[in-house]
Amino acid sequence: MVSKQPRKQRKARYEAPLHMKQKYMAAPLSKALRGKYGRSANVIVGDTVIVMRGDHAGTKGKVEALSLKSGTIVVEGVSVSKVDGTEVPRPIYPSNVMITSLEMNDKHRDSILSRGR
């Protein structure tokens, strides 16, 4: 990004193509994982995370869904109730969670995480 104006920074993030938005989906790793995989990793469906910030801080759960368009993830157990009583998932930004265990079924992800270690 070239400009330092906040409005242009926000606009660039909002209008970025999906392959660039993927880089914004990283979350810090727990101390146990940090020694092996580095400081942060991209969040994928199936990772176990703990919410660190906001009203749901301390909640632990698996990542159920993620949206590159809005840059958010959905964690099981993090929901709000509507006026009619139904529960709807509350989207969270990945920077507000910490990954406690990684979903390692994907060989490509394993090679990405072990790159440069």
PDB file of N, CA and C in Angstrom:
ATOM      1  N   MET A   1       0.836  -1.175   0.000  1.00  0.00           N
ATOM      2  CA  MET A   1       0.000   0.000   0.000  1.00  0.00           C
ATOM      3  C   MET A   1       0.879   1.237   0.000  1.00  0.00           C
ATOM      4  N   VAL A   2       0.474   2.191  -0.760  1.00  0.00           N
ATOM      5  CA  VAL A   2       1.294   3.372  -0.947  1.00  0.00           C
ATOM      6  C   VAL A   2       0.915   4.480   0.020  1.00  0.00           C
ATOM      7  N   SER A   3      -0.363   4.731   0.168  1.00  0.00           N
ATOM      8  CA  SER A   3      -0.824   5.858   0.969  1.00  0.00           C
ATOM      9  C   SER A   3      -0.779   5.534   2.453  1.00  0.00           C
ATOM     10  N   LYS A   4      -0.653   6.569   3.277  1.00  0.00           N
ATOM     11  CA  LYS A   4      -0.773   6.372   4.712  1.00  0.00           C
ATOM     12  C   LYS A   4      -2.095   6.876   5.258  1.00  0.00           C
ATOM     13  N   GLN A   5      -2.955   7.371   4.377  1.00  0.00           N
ATOM     14  CA  GLN A   5      -4.263   7.843   4.821  1.00  0.00           C
ATOM     15  C   GLN A   5      -5.142   6.654   5.223  1.00  0.00           C
ATOM     16  N   PRO A   6      -5.726   6.678   6.419  1.00  0.00           N
ATOM     17  CA  PRO A   6      -6.538   5.549   6.874  1.00  0.00           C
ATOM     18  C   PRO A   6      -7.687   5.197   5.930  1.00  0.00           C
ATOM     19  N   ARG A   7      -8.329   6.202   5.337  1.00  0.00           N
ATOM     20  CA  ARG A   7      -9.462   5.881   4.463  1.00  0.00           C
ATOM     21  C   ARG A   7      -8.999   5.114   3.236  1.00  0.00           C
ATOM     22  N   LYS A   8      -7.796   5.423   2.730  1.00  0.00           N
ATOM     23  CA  LYS A   8      -7.283   4.705   1.567  1.00  0.00           C
ATOM     24  C   LYS A   8      -6.772   3.319   1.958  1.00  0.00           C
ATOM     25  N   GLN A   9      -6.257   3.190   3.177  1.00  0.00           N
ATOM     26  CA  GLN A   9      -5.859   1.878   3.678  1.00  0.00           C
ATOM     27  C   GLN A   9      -7.082   0.961   3.774  1.00  0.00           C
ATOM     28  N   ARG A  10      -8.168   1.480   4.369  1.00  0.00           N
ATOM     29  CA  ARG A  10      -9.396   0.696   4.506  1.00  0.00           C
ATOM     30  C   ARG A  10      -9.972   0.336   3.138  1.00  0.00           C
ATOM     31  N   LYS A  11      -9.955   1.290   2.223  1.00  0.00           N
ATOM     32  CA  LYS A  11     -10.490   1.052   0.883  1.00  0.00           C
ATOM     33  C   LYS A  11      -9.686  -0.027   0.165  1.00  0.00           C
ATOM     34  N   ALA A  12      -8.361   0.010   0.313  1.00  0.00           N
ATOM     35  CA  ALA A  12      -7.511  -0.981  -0.344  1.00  0.00           C
ATOM     36  C   ALA A  12      -7.788  -2.380   0.198  1.00  0.00           C
ATOM     37  N   ARG A  13      -7.999  -2.499   1.504  1.00  0.00           N
ATOM     38  CA  ARG A  13      -8.327  -3.805   2.088  1.00  0.00           C
ATOM     39  C   ARG A  13      -9.691  -4.284   1.620  1.00  0.00           C
ATOM     40  N   TYR A  14     -10.648  -3.375   1.559  1.00  0.00           N
ATOM     41  CA  TYR A  14     -12.007  -3.733   1.177  1.00  0.00           C
ATOM     42  C   TYR A  14     -12.085  -4.165  -0.281  1.00  0.00           C
ATOM     43  N   GLU A  15     -11.334  -3.499  -1.147  1.00  0.00           N
ATOM     44  CA  GLU A  15     -11.405  -3.771  -2.578  1.00  0.00           C
ATOM     45  C   GLU A  15     -10.332  -4.738  -3.067  1.00  0.00           C
ATOM     46  N   ALA A  16      -9.552  -5.314  -2.168  1.00  0.00           N
ATOM     47  CA  ALA A  16      -8.479  -6.217  -2.562  1.00  0.00           C
ATOM     48  C   ALA A  16      -9.052  -7.487  -3.193  1.00  0.00           C
ATOM     49  N   PRO A  17      -8.320  -8.090  -4.138  1.00  0.00           N
ATOM     50  CA  PRO A  17      -8.764  -9.368  -4.691  1.00  0.00           C
ATOM     51  C   PRO A  17      -8.638 -10.473  -3.641  1.00  0.00           C
ATOM     52  N   LEU A  18      -9.335 -11.590  -3.870  1.00  0.00           N
ATOM     53  CA  LEU A  18      -9.411 -12.646  -2.863  1.00  0.00           C
ATOM     54  C   LEU A  18      -8.048 -13.238  -2.524  1.00  0.00           C
ATOM     55  N   HIS A  19      -7.140 -13.337  -3.508  1.00  0.00           N
ATOM     56  CA  HIS A  19      -5.839 -13.913  -3.195  1.00  0.00           C
ATOM     57  C   HIS A  19      -5.022 -12.993  -2.283  1.00  0.00           C
ATOM     58  N   MET A  20      -5.342 -11.709  -2.248  1.00  0.00           N
ATOM     59  CA  MET A  20      -4.695 -10.801  -1.301  1.00  0.00           C
ATOM     60  C   MET A  20      -5.413 -10.827   0.049  1.00  0.00           C
ATOM     61  N   LYS A  21      -6.745 -10.958   0.024  1.00  0.00           N
ATOM     62  CA  LYS A  21      -7.506 -11.008   1.272  1.00  0.00           C
ATOM     63  C   LYS A  21      -7.153 -12.249   2.089  1.00  0.00           C
ATOM     64  N   GLN A  22      -6.667 -13.293   1.423  1.00  0.00           N
ATOM     65  CA  GLN A  22      -6.264 -14.508   2.134  1.00  0.00           C
ATOM     66  C   GLN A  22      -5.158 -14.201   3.144  1.00  0.00           C
ATOM     67  N   LYS A  23      -4.316 -13.239   2.844  1.00  0.00           N
ATOM     68  CA  LYS A  23      -3.220 -12.885   3.745  1.00  0.00           C
ATOM     69  C   LYS A  23      -3.719 -12.214   5.013  1.00  0.00           C
ATOM     70  N   TYR A  24      -4.941 -11.664   4.980  1.00  0.00           N
ATOM     71  CA  TYR A  24      -5.507 -11.003   6.155  1.00  0.00           C
ATOM     72  C   TYR A  24      -6.184 -11.987   7.102  1.00  0.00           C
ATOM     73  N   MET A  25      -6.200 -13.276   6.776  1.00  0.00           N
ATOM     74  CA  MET A  25      -6.915 -14.268   7.571  1.00  0.00           C
ATOM     75  C   MET A  25      -5.994 -14.995   8.551  1.00  0.00           C
ATOM     76  N   ALA A  26      -4.881 -14.395   8.908  1.00  0.00           N
ATOM     77  CA  ALA A  26      -3.937 -15.028   9.826  1.00  0.00           C
ATOM     78  C   ALA A  26      -4.301 -14.710  11.267  1.00  0.00           C
ATOM     79  N   ALA A  27      -3.995 -15.653  12.150  1.00  0.00           N
ATOM     80  CA  ALA A  27      -4.224 -15.479  13.582  1.00  0.00           C
ATOM     81  C   ALA A  27      -2.978 -15.947  14.319  1.00  0.00           C
ATOM     82  N   PRO A  28      -2.699 -15.380  15.494  1.00  0.00           N
ATOM     83  CA  PRO A  28      -1.529 -15.816  16.252  1.00  0.00           C
ATOM     84  C   PRO A  28      -1.685 -17.251  16.739  1.00  0.00           C
ATOM     85  N   LEU A  29      -0.558 -17.925  16.875  1.00  0.00           N
ATOM     86  CA  LEU A  29      -0.540 -19.298  17.374  1.00  0.00           C
ATOM     87  C   LEU A  29      -0.291 -19.307  18.875  1.00  0.00           C
ATOM     88  N   SER A  30      -0.739 -20.376  19.537  1.00  0.00           N
ATOM     89  CA  SER A  30      -0.494 -20.521  20.970  1.00  0.00           C
ATOM     90  C   SER A  30       0.994 -20.770  21.203  1.00  0.00           C
ATOM     91  N   LYS A  31       1.420 -20.617  22.436  1.00  0.00           N
ATOM     92  CA  LYS A  31       2.843 -20.781  22.756  1.00  0.00           C
ATOM     93  C   LYS A  31       3.326 -22.188  22.430  1.00  0.00           C
ATOM     94  N   ALA A  32       2.465 -23.181  22.593  1.00  0.00           N
ATOM     95  CA  ALA A  32       2.848 -24.557  22.296  1.00  0.00           C
ATOM     96  C   ALA A  32       3.126 -24.751  20.804  1.00  0.00           C
ATOM     97  N   LEU A  33       2.357 -24.101  19.954  1.00  0.00           N
ATOM     98  CA  LEU A  33       2.537 -24.244  18.504  1.00  0.00           C
ATOM     99  C   LEU A  33       3.572 -23.289  17.941  1.00  0.00           C
ATOM    100  N   ARG A  34       3.825 -22.204  18.653  1.00  0.00           N
ATOM    101  CA  ARG A  34       4.682 -21.143  18.130  1.00  0.00           C
ATOM    102  C   ARG A  34       6.113 -21.613  17.895  1.00  0.00           C
ATOM    103  N   GLY A  35       6.622 -22.485  18.750  1.00  0.00           N
ATOM    104  CA  GLY A  35       7.987 -22.963  18.594  1.00  0.00           C
ATOM    105  C   GLY A  35       8.185 -23.761  17.321  1.00  0.00           C
ATOM    106  N   LYS A  36       7.147 -24.492  16.906  1.00  0.00           N
ATOM    107  CA  LYS A  36       7.275 -25.352  15.736  1.00  0.00           C
ATOM    108  C   LYS A  36       6.871 -24.654  14.442  1.00  0.00           C
ATOM    109  N   TYR A  37       5.834 -23.811  14.492  1.00  0.00           N
ATOM    110  CA  TYR A  37       5.263 -23.260  13.266  1.00  0.00           C
ATOM    111  C   TYR A  37       5.430 -21.761  13.101  1.00  0.00           C
ATOM    112  N   GLY A  38       6.027 -21.077  14.052  1.00  0.00           N
ATOM    113  CA  GLY A  38       6.195 -19.639  13.914  1.00  0.00           C
ATOM    114  C   GLY A  38       5.130 -18.867  14.672  1.00  0.00           C
ATOM    115  N   ARG A  39       5.042 -17.585  14.395  1.00  0.00           N
ATOM    116  CA  ARG A  39       4.189 -16.695  15.186  1.00  0.00           C
ATOM    117  C   ARG A  39       2.710 -16.783  14.834  1.00  0.00           C
ATOM    118  N   SER A  40       2.376 -16.913  13.537  1.00  0.00           N
ATOM    119  CA  SER A  40       0.972 -16.913  13.133  1.00  0.00           C
ATOM    120  C   SER A  40       0.773 -17.851  11.952  1.00  0.00           C
ATOM    121  N   ALA A  41      -0.497 -18.157  11.696  1.00  0.00           N
ATOM    122  CA  ALA A  41      -0.855 -19.012  10.568  1.00  0.00           C
ATOM    123  C   ALA A  41      -2.240 -18.621  10.089  1.00  0.00           C
ATOM    124  N   ASN A  42      -2.530 -18.937   8.829  1.00  0.00           N
ATOM    125  CA  ASN A  42      -3.865 -18.675   8.310  1.00  0.00           C
ATOM    126  C   ASN A  42      -4.866 -19.624   8.957  1.00  0.00           C
ATOM    127  N   VAL A  43      -6.027 -19.110   9.272  1.00  0.00           N
ATOM    128  CA  VAL A  43      -7.086 -19.903   9.878  1.00  0.00           C
ATOM    129  C   VAL A  43      -7.823 -20.652   8.778  1.00  0.00           C
ATOM    130  N   ILE A  44      -8.117 -21.948   9.017  1.00  0.00           N
ATOM    131  CA  ILE A  44      -8.952 -22.715   8.098  1.00  0.00           C
ATOM    132  C   ILE A  44     -10.055 -23.381   8.908  1.00  0.00           C
ATOM    133  N   VAL A  45     -11.063 -23.886   8.205  1.00  0.00           N
ATOM    134  CA  VAL A  45     -12.163 -24.580   8.861  1.00  0.00           C
ATOM    135  C   VAL A  45     -11.610 -25.844   9.518  1.00  0.00           C
ATOM    136  N   GLY A  46     -11.930 -26.047  10.780  1.00  0.00           N
ATOM    137  CA  GLY A  46     -11.459 -27.207  11.524  1.00  0.00           C
ATOM    138  C   GLY A  46     -10.418 -26.871  12.572  1.00  0.00           C
ATOM    139  N   ASP A  47      -9.771 -25.732  12.476  1.00  0.00           N
ATOM    140  CA  ASP A  47      -8.826 -25.307  13.508  1.00  0.00           C
ATOM    141  C   ASP A  47      -9.572 -25.065  14.816  1.00  0.00           C
ATOM    142  N   THR A  48      -8.917 -25.354  15.930  1.00  0.00           N
ATOM    143  CA  THR A  48      -9.479 -25.027  17.232  1.00  0.00           C
ATOM    144  C   THR A  48      -8.869 -23.713  17.684  1.00  0.00           C
ATOM    145  N   VAL A  49      -9.724 -22.769  18.064  1.00  0.00           N
ATOM    146  CA  VAL A  49      -9.271 -21.435  18.444  1.00  0.00           C
ATOM    147  C   VAL A  49      -9.889 -21.048  19.779  1.00  0.00           C
ATOM    148  N   ILE A  50      -9.269 -20.069  20.423  1.00  0.00           N
ATOM    149  CA  ILE A  50      -9.829 -19.461  21.617  1.00  0.00           C
ATOM    150  C   ILE A  50      -9.971 -17.969  21.336  1.00  0.00           C
ATOM    151  N   VAL A  51     -11.137 -17.431  21.667  1.00  0.00           N
ATOM    152  CA  VAL A  51     -11.407 -16.017  21.417  1.00  0.00           C
ATOM    153  C   VAL A  51     -10.691 -15.205  22.492  1.00  0.00           C
ATOM    154  N   MET A  52      -9.910 -14.213  22.063  1.00  0.00           N
ATOM    155  CA  MET A  52      -9.093 -13.436  22.993  1.00  0.00           C
ATOM    156  C   MET A  52      -9.680 -12.064  23.299  1.00  0.00           C
ATOM    157  N   ARG A  53     -10.509 -11.532  22.420  1.00  0.00           N
ATOM    158  CA  ARG A  53     -11.026 -10.179  22.575  1.00  0.00           C
ATOM    159  C   ARG A  53     -12.535 -10.165  22.390  1.00  0.00           C
ATOM    160  N   GLY A  54     -13.184  -9.160  22.978  1.00  0.00           N
ATOM    161  CA  GLY A  54     -14.607  -8.954  22.759  1.00  0.00           C
ATOM    162  C   GLY A  54     -15.472  -9.602  23.820  1.00  0.00           C
ATOM    163  N   ASP A  55     -16.772  -9.593  23.566  1.00  0.00           N
ATOM    164  CA  ASP A  55     -17.744 -10.119  24.522  1.00  0.00           C
ATOM    165  C   ASP A  55     -17.589 -11.611  24.747  1.00  0.00           C
ATOM    166  N   HIS A  56     -17.074 -12.333  23.770  1.00  0.00           N
ATOM    167  CA  HIS A  56     -16.955 -13.787  23.859  1.00  0.00           C
ATOM    168  C   HIS A  56     -15.537 -14.228  24.219  1.00  0.00           C
ATOM    169  N   ALA A  57     -14.751 -13.351  24.814  1.00  0.00           N
ATOM    170  CA  ALA A  57     -13.363 -13.677  25.169  1.00  0.00           C
ATOM    171  C   ALA A  57     -13.341 -14.881  26.097  1.00  0.00           C
ATOM    172  N   GLY A  58     -12.427 -15.810  25.821  1.00  0.00           N
ATOM    173  CA  GLY A  58     -12.302 -17.016  26.623  1.00  0.00           C
ATOM    174  C   GLY A  58     -13.041 -18.204  26.041  1.00  0.00           C
ATOM    175  N   THR A  59     -13.891 -17.992  25.062  1.00  0.00           N
ATOM    176  CA  THR A  59     -14.639 -19.083  24.444  1.00  0.00           C
ATOM    177  C   THR A  59     -13.719 -19.879  23.530  1.00  0.00           C
ATOM    178  N   LYS A  60     -13.769 -21.212  23.687  1.00  0.00           N
ATOM    179  CA  LYS A  60     -12.947 -22.092  22.877  1.00  0.00           C
ATOM    180  C   LYS A  60     -13.861 -22.899  21.965  1.00  0.00           C
ATOM    181  N   GLY A  61     -13.473 -23.051  20.710  1.00  0.00           N
ATOM    182  CA  GLY A  61     -14.284 -23.822  19.777  1.00  0.00           C
ATOM    183  C   GLY A  61     -13.594 -24.000  18.446  1.00  0.00           C
ATOM    184  N   LYS A  62     -14.216 -24.826  17.613  1.00  0.00           N
ATOM    185  CA  LYS A  62     -13.685 -25.066  16.273  1.00  0.00           C
ATOM    186  C   LYS A  62     -14.203 -24.014  15.310  1.00  0.00           C
ATOM    187  N   VAL A  63     -13.402 -23.737  14.293  1.00  0.00           N
ATOM    188  CA  VAL A  63     -13.812 -22.804  13.246  1.00  0.00           C
ATOM    189  C   VAL A  63     -14.798 -23.541  12.340  1.00  0.00           C
ATOM    190  N   GLU A  64     -16.020 -23.014  12.234  1.00  0.00           N
ATOM    191  CA  GLU A  64     -17.058 -23.650  11.424  1.00  0.00           C
ATOM    192  C   GLU A  64     -17.092 -23.111  10.000  1.00  0.00           C
ATOM    193  N   ALA A  65     -16.804 -21.824   9.831  1.00  0.00           N
ATOM    194  CA  ALA A  65     -16.860 -21.218   8.501  1.00  0.00           C
ATOM    195  C   ALA A  65     -15.956 -20.004   8.479  1.00  0.00           C
ATOM    196  N   LEU A  66     -15.576 -19.600   7.282  1.00  0.00           N
ATOM    197  CA  LEU A  66     -14.834 -18.353   7.133  1.00  0.00           C
ATOM    198  C   LEU A  66     -15.251 -17.673   5.844  1.00  0.00           C
ATOM    199  N   SER A  67     -15.129 -16.358   5.844  1.00  0.00           N
ATOM    200  CA  SER A  67     -15.527 -15.561   4.689  1.00  0.00           C
ATOM    201  C   SER A  67     -14.383 -14.638   4.311  1.00  0.00           C
ATOM    202  N   LEU A  68     -13.828 -14.858   3.135  1.00  0.00           N
ATOM    203  CA  LEU A  68     -12.777 -13.966   2.654  1.00  0.00           C
ATOM    204  C   LEU A  68     -13.351 -12.604   2.300  1.00  0.00           C
ATOM    205  N   LYS A  69     -14.595 -12.587   1.843  1.00  0.00           N
ATOM    206  CA  LYS A  69     -15.205 -11.326   1.430  1.00  0.00           C
ATOM    207  C   LYS A  69     -15.290 -10.348   2.594  1.00  0.00           C
ATOM    208  N   SER A  70     -15.744 -10.834   3.755  1.00  0.00           N
ATOM    209  CA  SER A  70     -15.861  -9.946   4.917  1.00  0.00           C
ATOM    210  C   SER A  70     -14.647 -10.037   5.832  1.00  0.00           C
ATOM    211  N   GLY A  71     -13.758 -11.026   5.600  1.00  0.00           N
ATOM    212  CA  GLY A  71     -12.563 -11.169   6.422  1.00  0.00           C
ATOM    213  C   GLY A  71     -12.853 -11.662   7.820  1.00  0.00           C
ATOM    214  N   THR A  72     -13.894 -12.499   7.979  1.00  0.00           N
ATOM    215  CA  THR A  72     -14.294 -12.969   9.302  1.00  0.00           C
ATOM    216  C   THR A  72     -14.355 -14.486   9.345  1.00  0.00           C
ATOM    217  N   ILE A  73     -14.389 -15.021  10.571  1.00  0.00           N
ATOM    218  CA  ILE A  73     -14.559 -16.450  10.797  1.00  0.00           C
ATOM    219  C   ILE A  73     -15.745 -16.655  11.729  1.00  0.00           C
ATOM    220  N   VAL A  74     -16.302 -17.875  11.698  1.00  0.00           N
ATOM    221  CA  VAL A  74     -17.389 -18.252  12.597  1.00  0.00           C
ATOM    222  C   VAL A  74     -16.869 -19.376  13.478  1.00  0.00           C
ATOM    223  N   VAL A  75     -16.963 -19.200  14.799  1.00  0.00           N
ATOM    224  CA  VAL A  75     -16.482 -20.173  15.772  1.00  0.00           C
ATOM    225  C   VAL A  75     -17.689 -20.795  16.455  1.00  0.00           C
ATOM    226  N   GLU A  76     -17.654 -22.134  16.637  1.00  0.00           N
ATOM    227  CA  GLU A  76     -18.778 -22.774  17.307  1.00  0.00           C
ATOM    228  C   GLU A  76     -18.853 -22.300  18.757  1.00  0.00           C
ATOM    229  N   GLY A  77     -20.058 -22.052  19.218  1.00  0.00           N
ATOM    230  CA  GLY A  77     -20.269 -21.559  20.571  1.00  0.00           C
ATOM    231  C   GLY A  77     -20.271 -20.050  20.681  1.00  0.00           C
ATOM    232  N   VAL A  78     -19.952 -19.359  19.606  1.00  0.00           N
ATOM    233  CA  VAL A  78     -19.973 -17.893  19.615  1.00  0.00           C
ATOM    234  C   VAL A  78     -21.180 -17.456  18.795  1.00  0.00           C
ATOM    235  N   SER A  79     -22.243 -17.083  19.496  1.00  0.00           N
ATOM    236  CA  SER A  79     -23.466 -16.689  18.817  1.00  0.00           C
ATOM    237  C   SER A  79     -24.195 -15.643  19.639  1.00  0.00           C
ATOM    238  N   VAL A  80     -25.129 -14.981  19.006  1.00  0.00           N
ATOM    239  CA  VAL A  80     -25.986 -14.007  19.679  1.00  0.00           C
ATOM    240  C   VAL A  80     -27.428 -14.429  19.434  1.00  0.00           C
ATOM    241  N   SER A  81     -28.298 -14.085  20.360  1.00  0.00           N
ATOM    242  CA  SER A  81     -29.698 -14.449  20.195  1.00  0.00           C
ATOM    243  C   SER A  81     -30.475 -13.270  19.637  1.00  0.00           C
ATOM    244  N   LYS A  82     -31.326 -13.569  18.682  1.00  0.00           N
ATOM    245  CA  LYS A  82     -32.183 -12.553  18.094  1.00  0.00           C
ATOM    246  C   LYS A  82     -33.381 -12.319  19.013  1.00  0.00           C
ATOM    247  N   VAL A  83     -34.177 -11.338  18.695  1.00  0.00           N
ATOM    248  CA  VAL A  83     -35.327 -10.998  19.526  1.00  0.00           C
ATOM    249  C   VAL A  83     -36.317 -12.156  19.599  1.00  0.00           C
ATOM    250  N   ASP A  84     -36.440 -12.921  18.503  1.00  0.00           N
ATOM    251  CA  ASP A  84     -37.386 -14.038  18.516  1.00  0.00           C
ATOM    252  C   ASP A  84     -36.814 -15.283  19.191  1.00  0.00           C
ATOM    253  N   GLY A  85     -35.574 -15.212  19.687  1.00  0.00           N
ATOM    254  CA  GLY A  85     -34.986 -16.311  20.443  1.00  0.00           C
ATOM    255  C   GLY A  85     -34.070 -17.209  19.652  1.00  0.00           C
ATOM    256  N   THR A  86     -34.001 -17.065  18.345  1.00  0.00           N
ATOM    257  CA  THR A  86     -33.113 -17.917  17.558  1.00  0.00           C
ATOM    258  C   THR A  86     -31.668 -17.450  17.714  1.00  0.00           C
ATOM    259  N   GLU A  87     -30.772 -18.409  17.678  1.00  0.00           N
ATOM    260  CA  GLU A  87     -29.342 -18.125  17.802  1.00  0.00           C
ATOM    261  C   GLU A  87     -28.740 -17.976  16.407  1.00  0.00           C
ATOM    262  N   VAL A  88     -27.951 -16.945  16.215  1.00  0.00           N
ATOM    263  CA  VAL A  88     -27.239 -16.746  14.955  1.00  0.00           C
ATOM    264  C   VAL A  88     -25.750 -16.621  15.259  1.00  0.00           C
ATOM    265  N   PRO A  89     -24.887 -17.202  14.395  1.00  0.00           N
ATOM    266  CA  PRO A  89     -23.445 -17.117  14.648  1.00  0.00           C
ATOM    267  C   PRO A  89     -22.947 -15.684  14.565  1.00  0.00           C
ATOM    268  N   ARG A  90     -21.978 -15.380  15.412  1.00  0.00           N
ATOM    269  CA  ARG A  90     -21.396 -14.036  15.445  1.00  0.00           C
ATOM    270  C   ARG A  90     -20.042 -14.080  14.749  1.00  0.00           C
ATOM    271  N   PRO A  91     -19.871 -13.388  13.626  1.00  0.00           N
ATOM    272  CA  PRO A  91     -18.577 -13.388  12.938  1.00  0.00           C
ATOM    273  C   PRO A  91     -17.511 -12.666  13.768  1.00  0.00           C
ATOM    274  N   ILE A  92     -16.287 -13.169  13.697  1.00  0.00           N
ATOM    275  CA  ILE A  92     -15.164 -12.610  14.457  1.00  0.00           C
ATOM    276  C   ILE A  92     -14.003 -12.410  13.492  1.00  0.00           C
ATOM    277  N   TYR A  93     -13.244 -11.347  13.708  1.00  0.00           N
ATOM    278  CA  TYR A  93     -12.032 -11.143  12.922  1.00  0.00           C
ATOM    279  C   TYR A  93     -10.947 -12.107  13.410  1.00  0.00           C
ATOM    280  N   PRO A  94     -10.165 -12.704  12.494  1.00  0.00           N
ATOM    281  CA  PRO A  94      -9.147 -13.679  12.889  1.00  0.00           C
ATOM    282  C   PRO A  94      -8.083 -13.113  13.826  1.00  0.00           C
ATOM    283  N   SER A  95      -7.842 -11.809  13.778  1.00  0.00           N
ATOM    284  CA  SER A  95      -6.824 -11.231  14.655  1.00  0.00           C
ATOM    285  C   SER A  95      -7.255 -11.259  16.117  1.00  0.00           C
ATOM    286  N   ASN A  96      -8.536 -11.505  16.388  1.00  0.00           N
ATOM    287  CA  ASN A  96      -9.044 -11.520  17.754  1.00  0.00           C
ATOM    288  C   ASN A  96      -9.124 -12.917  18.344  1.00  0.00           C
ATOM    289  N   VAL A  97      -8.575 -13.903  17.661  1.00  0.00           N
ATOM    290  CA  VAL A  97      -8.547 -15.267  18.187  1.00  0.00           C
ATOM    291  C   VAL A  97      -7.108 -15.761  18.219  1.00  0.00           C
ATOM    292  N   MET A  98      -6.886 -16.864  18.954  1.00  0.00           N
ATOM    293  CA  MET A  98      -5.578 -17.509  18.984  1.00  0.00           C
ATOM    294  C   MET A  98      -5.786 -18.978  18.638  1.00  0.00           C
ATOM    295  N   ILE A  99      -4.992 -19.484  17.715  1.00  0.00           N
ATOM    296  CA  ILE A  99      -5.110 -20.878  17.291  1.00  0.00           C
ATOM    297  C   ILE A  99      -4.450 -21.762  18.342  1.00  0.00           C
ATOM    298  N   THR A 100      -5.215 -22.753  18.854  1.00  0.00           N
ATOM    299  CA  THR A 100      -4.670 -23.663  19.859  1.00  0.00           C
ATOM    300  C   THR A 100      -4.331 -25.028  19.276  1.00  0.00           C
ATOM    301  N   SER A 101      -5.037 -25.451  18.217  1.00  0.00           N
ATOM    302  CA  SER A 101      -4.645 -26.673  17.517  1.00  0.00           C
ATOM    303  C   SER A 101      -4.981 -26.520  16.039  1.00  0.00           C
ATOM    304  N   LEU A 102      -4.108 -27.056  15.209  1.00  0.00           N
ATOM    305  CA  LEU A 102      -4.211 -26.893  13.761  1.00  0.00           C
ATOM    306  C   LEU A 102      -4.847 -28.120  13.121  1.00  0.00           C
ATOM    307  N   GLU A 103      -5.655 -27.905  12.106  1.00  0.00           N
ATOM    308  CA  GLU A 103      -6.212 -28.979  11.289  1.00  0.00           C
ATOM    309  C   GLU A 103      -5.142 -29.352  10.264  1.00  0.00           C
ATOM    310  N   MET A 104      -4.575 -30.554  10.384  1.00  0.00           N
ATOM    311  CA  MET A 104      -3.433 -30.923   9.544  1.00  0.00           C
ATOM    312  C   MET A 104      -3.767 -32.017   8.529  1.00  0.00           C
ATOM    313  N   ASN A 105      -5.015 -32.110   8.083  1.00  0.00           N
ATOM    314  CA  ASN A 105      -5.382 -33.113   7.088  1.00  0.00           C
ATOM    315  C   ASN A 105      -4.875 -32.762   5.698  1.00  0.00           C
ATOM    316  N   ASP A 106      -4.519 -31.511   5.479  1.00  0.00           N
ATOM    317  CA  ASP A 106      -4.086 -31.041   4.169  1.00  0.00           C
ATOM    318  C   ASP A 106      -2.557 -31.071   4.087  1.00  0.00           C
ATOM    319  N   LYS A 107      -2.012 -31.838   3.141  1.00  0.00           N
ATOM    320  CA  LYS A 107      -0.559 -31.923   2.992  1.00  0.00           C
ATOM    321  C   LYS A 107       0.030 -30.598   2.526  1.00  0.00           C
ATOM    322  N   HIS A 108      -0.738 -29.864   1.724  1.00  0.00           N
ATOM    323  CA  HIS A 108      -0.265 -28.561   1.243  1.00  0.00           C
ATOM    324  C   HIS A 108      -0.088 -27.595   2.414  1.00  0.00           C
ATOM    325  N   ARG A 109      -1.011 -27.630   3.366  1.00  0.00           N
ATOM    326  CA  ARG A 109      -0.898 -26.745   4.528  1.00  0.00           C
ATOM    327  C   ARG A 109       0.313 -27.126   5.374  1.00  0.00           C
ATOM    328  N   ASP A 110       0.566 -28.414   5.502  1.00  0.00           N
ATOM    329  CA  ASP A 110       1.726 -28.865   6.271  1.00  0.00           C
ATOM    330  C   ASP A 110       3.011 -28.343   5.648  1.00  0.00           C
ATOM    331  N   SER A 111       3.096 -28.359   4.320  1.00  0.00           N
ATOM    332  CA  SER A 111       4.305 -27.860   3.665  1.00  0.00           C
ATOM    333  C   SER A 111       4.430 -26.346   3.823  1.00  0.00           C
ATOM    334  N   ILE A 112       3.297 -25.629   3.825  1.00  0.00           N
ATOM    335  CA  ILE A 112       3.330 -24.176   4.013  1.00  0.00           C
ATOM    336  C   ILE A 112       3.811 -23.837   5.420  1.00  0.00           C
ATOM    337  N   LEU A 113       3.286 -24.556   6.425  1.00  0.00           N
ATOM    338  CA  LEU A 113       3.641 -24.250   7.811  1.00  0.00           C
ATOM    339  C   LEU A 113       5.088 -24.610   8.130  1.00  0.00           C
ATOM    340  N   SER A 114       5.601 -25.672   7.504  1.00  0.00           N
ATOM    341  CA  SER A 114       6.973 -26.078   7.804  1.00  0.00           C
ATOM    342  C   SER A 114       7.993 -25.366   6.922  1.00  0.00           C
ATOM    343  N   ARG A 115       7.529 -24.525   6.003  1.00  0.00           N
ATOM    344  CA  ARG A 115       8.426 -23.797   5.114  1.00  0.00           C
ATOM    345  C   ARG A 115       9.297 -22.831   5.918  1.00  0.00           C
ATOM    346  N   GLY A 116      10.576 -22.910   5.735  1.00  0.00           N
ATOM    347  CA  GLY A 116      11.494 -21.981   6.383  1.00  0.00           C
ATOM    348  C   GLY A 116      11.742 -22.264   7.849  1.00  0.00           C
ATOM    349  N   ARG A 117      11.333 -23.425   8.342  1.00  0.00           N
ATOM    350  CA  ARG A 117      11.547 -23.755   9.761  1.00  0.00           C
ATOM    351  C   ARG A 117      12.703 -24.707   9.898  1.00  0.00           C
TER     352      ARG A 117
END
